[in-house]
Amino acid sequence: MLVREMSQQECESLLARVGRGRLACVRNNQPYIVPIYFAFEPGRLYGFATMGQKIEWLRLNPLVCVEADEVLSHTEWQSVVVLGRYEEFRDVPEHLEERLQVQARLEQVNHLWWDTGFAAAQARGRFDRDITLFYCIHIQEITGRRASSDPVEQR
């Protein structure tokens, strides 16, 4: 297997294509990671959530890491890591434009963009549309790796 670094363009292409990954946050030196759907725009990832542990932790420490990957086989995969900063668009008049923009972008990417947020709220016993929020991850750094089969190893 050969592993190489991905270019910025390759990383962005993967983020735009897959629209799902894992978001990691930290509180009091304890990491926490959850699956998310997102919409990619250059410099940003947009997402949707309901109130819960992830949002509580992000409000305390907005520095995040997002990992997204595409695995075709043990020897053929791509993985991108994004370091960024969380910004929340609460349901207030000042954020209406941003919330509508994020919702429109999410709808373009995945018709089930809201599914994980509502499923999590139901699991917590709190299914309330009033606790929904949209957010943005401002990308500060993006890196990626790609693996492919090594022709020498295949002989």
Protein backbone atom coordinates (compact mmCIF):
# COMPACT_ATOMS: atom_id res chain seq x y z
CA MET A 1 0.00 0.00 0.00
CA LEU A 2 1.20 3.50 -0.87
CA VAL A 3 0.14 6.45 1.28
CA ARG A 4 0.58 10.04 0.13
CA GLU A 5 -0.54 13.49 1.18
CA MET A 6 -3.54 14.96 -0.57
CA SER A 7 -3.55 18.45 -2.07
CA GLN A 8 -5.84 21.19 -0.77
CA GLN A 9 -8.06 20.70 -3.83
CA GLU A 10 -8.27 16.92 -3.26
CA CYS A 11 -9.20 17.48 0.40
CA GLU A 12 -11.91 19.97 -0.51
CA SER A 13 -13.24 17.65 -3.21
CA LEU A 14 -13.62 14.82 -0.70
CA LEU A 15 -15.40 17.07 1.82
CA ALA A 16 -17.81 18.31 -0.86
CA ARG A 17 -18.49 14.77 -2.08
CA VAL A 18 -19.02 12.83 1.17
CA GLY A 19 -20.93 15.35 3.31
CA ARG A 20 -20.51 13.29 6.48
CA GLY A 21 -17.83 12.72 9.06
CA ARG A 22 -17.01 12.83 12.75
CA LEU A 23 -16.74 15.97 14.84
CA ALA A 24 -14.43 15.98 17.84
CA CYS A 25 -14.50 18.49 20.67
CA VAL A 26 -12.86 18.68 24.10
CA ARG A 27 -13.92 19.74 27.57
CA ASN A 28 -11.58 19.59 30.59
CA ASN A 29 -9.05 17.53 28.58
CA GLN A 30 -11.71 14.90 27.78
CA PRO A 31 -12.33 14.34 24.05
CA TYR A 32 -15.78 13.59 22.64
CA ILE A 33 -16.54 12.57 19.05
CA VAL A 34 -19.86 12.23 17.20
CA PRO A 35 -21.01 11.56 13.63
CA ILE A 36 -22.32 14.56 11.68
CA TYR A 37 -23.65 15.52 8.27
CA PHE A 38 -22.21 18.71 6.83
CA ALA A 39 -22.21 20.90 3.75
CA PHE A 40 -18.84 22.10 2.52
CA GLU A 41 -18.05 25.54 1.16
CA PRO A 42 -14.49 26.76 0.73
CA GLY A 43 -13.32 27.73 4.19
CA ARG A 44 -16.42 26.39 5.98
CA LEU A 45 -18.43 23.35 6.98
CA TYR A 46 -22.10 23.91 7.81
CA GLY A 47 -24.10 21.67 10.12
CA PHE A 48 -27.31 21.18 12.07
CA ALA A 49 -27.77 19.92 15.62
CA THR A 50 -30.14 19.77 18.54
CA MET A 51 -29.20 20.77 22.06
CA GLY A 52 -27.10 18.15 23.81
CA GLN A 53 -23.61 17.31 25.05
CA LYS A 54 -21.89 18.21 21.77
CA ILE A 55 -23.35 21.73 21.75
CA GLU A 56 -22.72 22.24 25.46
CA TRP A 57 -19.06 21.32 24.96
CA LEU A 58 -18.70 23.40 21.76
CA ARG A 59 -20.03 26.45 23.56
CA LEU A 60 -17.33 26.03 26.23
CA ASN A 61 -14.49 25.33 23.77
CA PRO A 62 -15.13 26.25 20.12
CA LEU A 63 -11.94 24.60 18.81
CA VAL A 64 -12.90 21.45 16.89
CA CYS A 65 -11.59 18.73 14.65
CA VAL A 66 -13.61 17.08 11.86
CA GLU A 67 -12.56 13.87 10.15
CA ALA A 68 -14.14 12.68 6.91
CA ASP A 69 -13.15 9.66 4.89
CA GLU A 70 -13.97 7.50 1.93
CA VAL A 71 -12.94 3.85 2.19
CA LEU A 72 -13.09 1.65 -0.90
CA SER A 73 -10.94 -1.16 0.50
CA HIS A 74 -8.17 -1.89 3.00
CA THR A 75 -5.63 -0.48 0.54
CA GLU A 76 -7.71 2.24 -1.14
CA TRP A 77 -8.98 5.07 1.03
CA GLN A 78 -8.88 8.81 1.60
CA SER A 79 -9.06 10.64 4.91
CA VAL A 80 -9.27 14.38 5.56
CA VAL A 81 -8.81 16.15 8.89
CA VAL A 82 -10.11 19.68 9.42
CA LEU A 83 -9.08 21.88 12.34
CA GLY A 84 -11.43 24.76 12.92
CA ARG A 85 -13.54 26.99 15.08
CA TYR A 86 -17.24 26.49 15.88
CA GLU A 87 -19.74 29.32 15.39
CA GLU A 88 -23.39 28.86 16.31
CA PHE A 89 -26.33 30.46 14.51
CA ARG A 90 -29.04 30.57 17.16
CA ASP A 91 -32.72 30.99 16.37
CA VAL A 92 -32.73 34.77 16.81
CA PRO A 93 -33.51 37.51 14.25
CA GLU A 94 -29.83 38.47 13.97
CA HIS A 95 -28.95 34.99 12.63
CA LEU A 96 -31.97 34.41 10.38
CA GLU A 97 -30.03 34.98 7.14
CA GLU A 98 -27.21 32.64 8.18
CA ARG A 99 -29.67 29.95 9.32
CA LEU A 100 -31.51 30.06 5.99
CA GLN A 101 -28.21 29.89 4.09
CA VAL A 102 -27.02 26.89 6.10
CA GLN A 103 -30.33 25.07 5.72
CA ALA A 104 -30.32 25.65 1.95
CA ARG A 105 -26.75 24.32 1.64
CA LEU A 106 -27.56 21.25 3.76
CA GLU A 107 -30.65 20.50 1.66
CA GLN A 108 -28.50 20.59 -1.51
CA VAL A 109 -26.07 18.05 -0.09
CA ASN A 110 -28.29 15.55 1.73
CA HIS A 111 -32.07 15.31 1.93
CA LEU A 112 -31.69 13.71 5.40
CA TRP A 113 -29.45 16.50 6.76
CA TRP A 114 -31.65 16.85 9.88
CA ASP A 115 -31.82 13.10 10.66
CA THR A 116 -28.92 12.63 13.09
CA GLY A 117 -29.83 15.74 15.10
CA PHE A 118 -33.44 14.72 15.60
CA ALA A 119 -32.53 11.08 16.23
CA ALA A 120 -30.14 12.19 18.98
CA ALA A 121 -32.81 14.43 20.51
CA GLN A 122 -35.31 11.56 20.52
CA ALA A 123 -32.76 9.27 22.17
CA ARG A 124 -32.32 11.88 24.91
CA GLY A 125 -36.12 12.06 25.30
CA ARG A 126 -36.18 15.66 24.05
CA PHE A 127 -37.77 16.05 20.64
CA ASP A 128 -38.46 19.75 20.35
CA ARG A 129 -38.05 21.80 17.17
CA ASP A 130 -37.38 24.84 19.36
CA ILE A 131 -34.00 23.45 20.42
CA THR A 132 -32.59 23.14 16.88
CA LEU A 133 -29.61 25.13 15.75
CA PHE A 134 -27.36 25.59 12.77
CA TYR A 135 -23.62 26.04 12.98
CA CYS A 136 -20.51 26.72 10.97
CA ILE A 137 -17.02 25.31 11.37
CA HIS A 138 -14.56 27.92 10.12
CA ILE A 139 -11.73 25.88 8.61
CA GLN A 140 -8.32 26.92 9.92
CA GLU A 141 -6.30 23.97 8.62
CA ILE A 142 -7.02 21.04 6.33
CA THR A 143 -4.88 17.99 5.66
CA GLY A 144 -5.47 14.65 4.02
CA ARG A 145 -3.94 11.30 3.19
CA ARG A 146 -4.74 8.89 0.39
CA ALA A 147 -3.82 5.20 0.17
CA SER A 148 -3.63 3.17 -2.99
CA SER A 149 -2.45 -0.29 -3.93
CA ASP A 150 1.28 -0.67 -4.43
CA PRO A 151 1.93 -2.37 -7.79
CA VAL A 152 5.20 -3.83 -6.41
CA GLU A 153 3.35 -5.54 -3.53
CA GLN A 154 0.86 -7.07 -5.96
CA ARG A 155 3.52 -9.14 -7.75
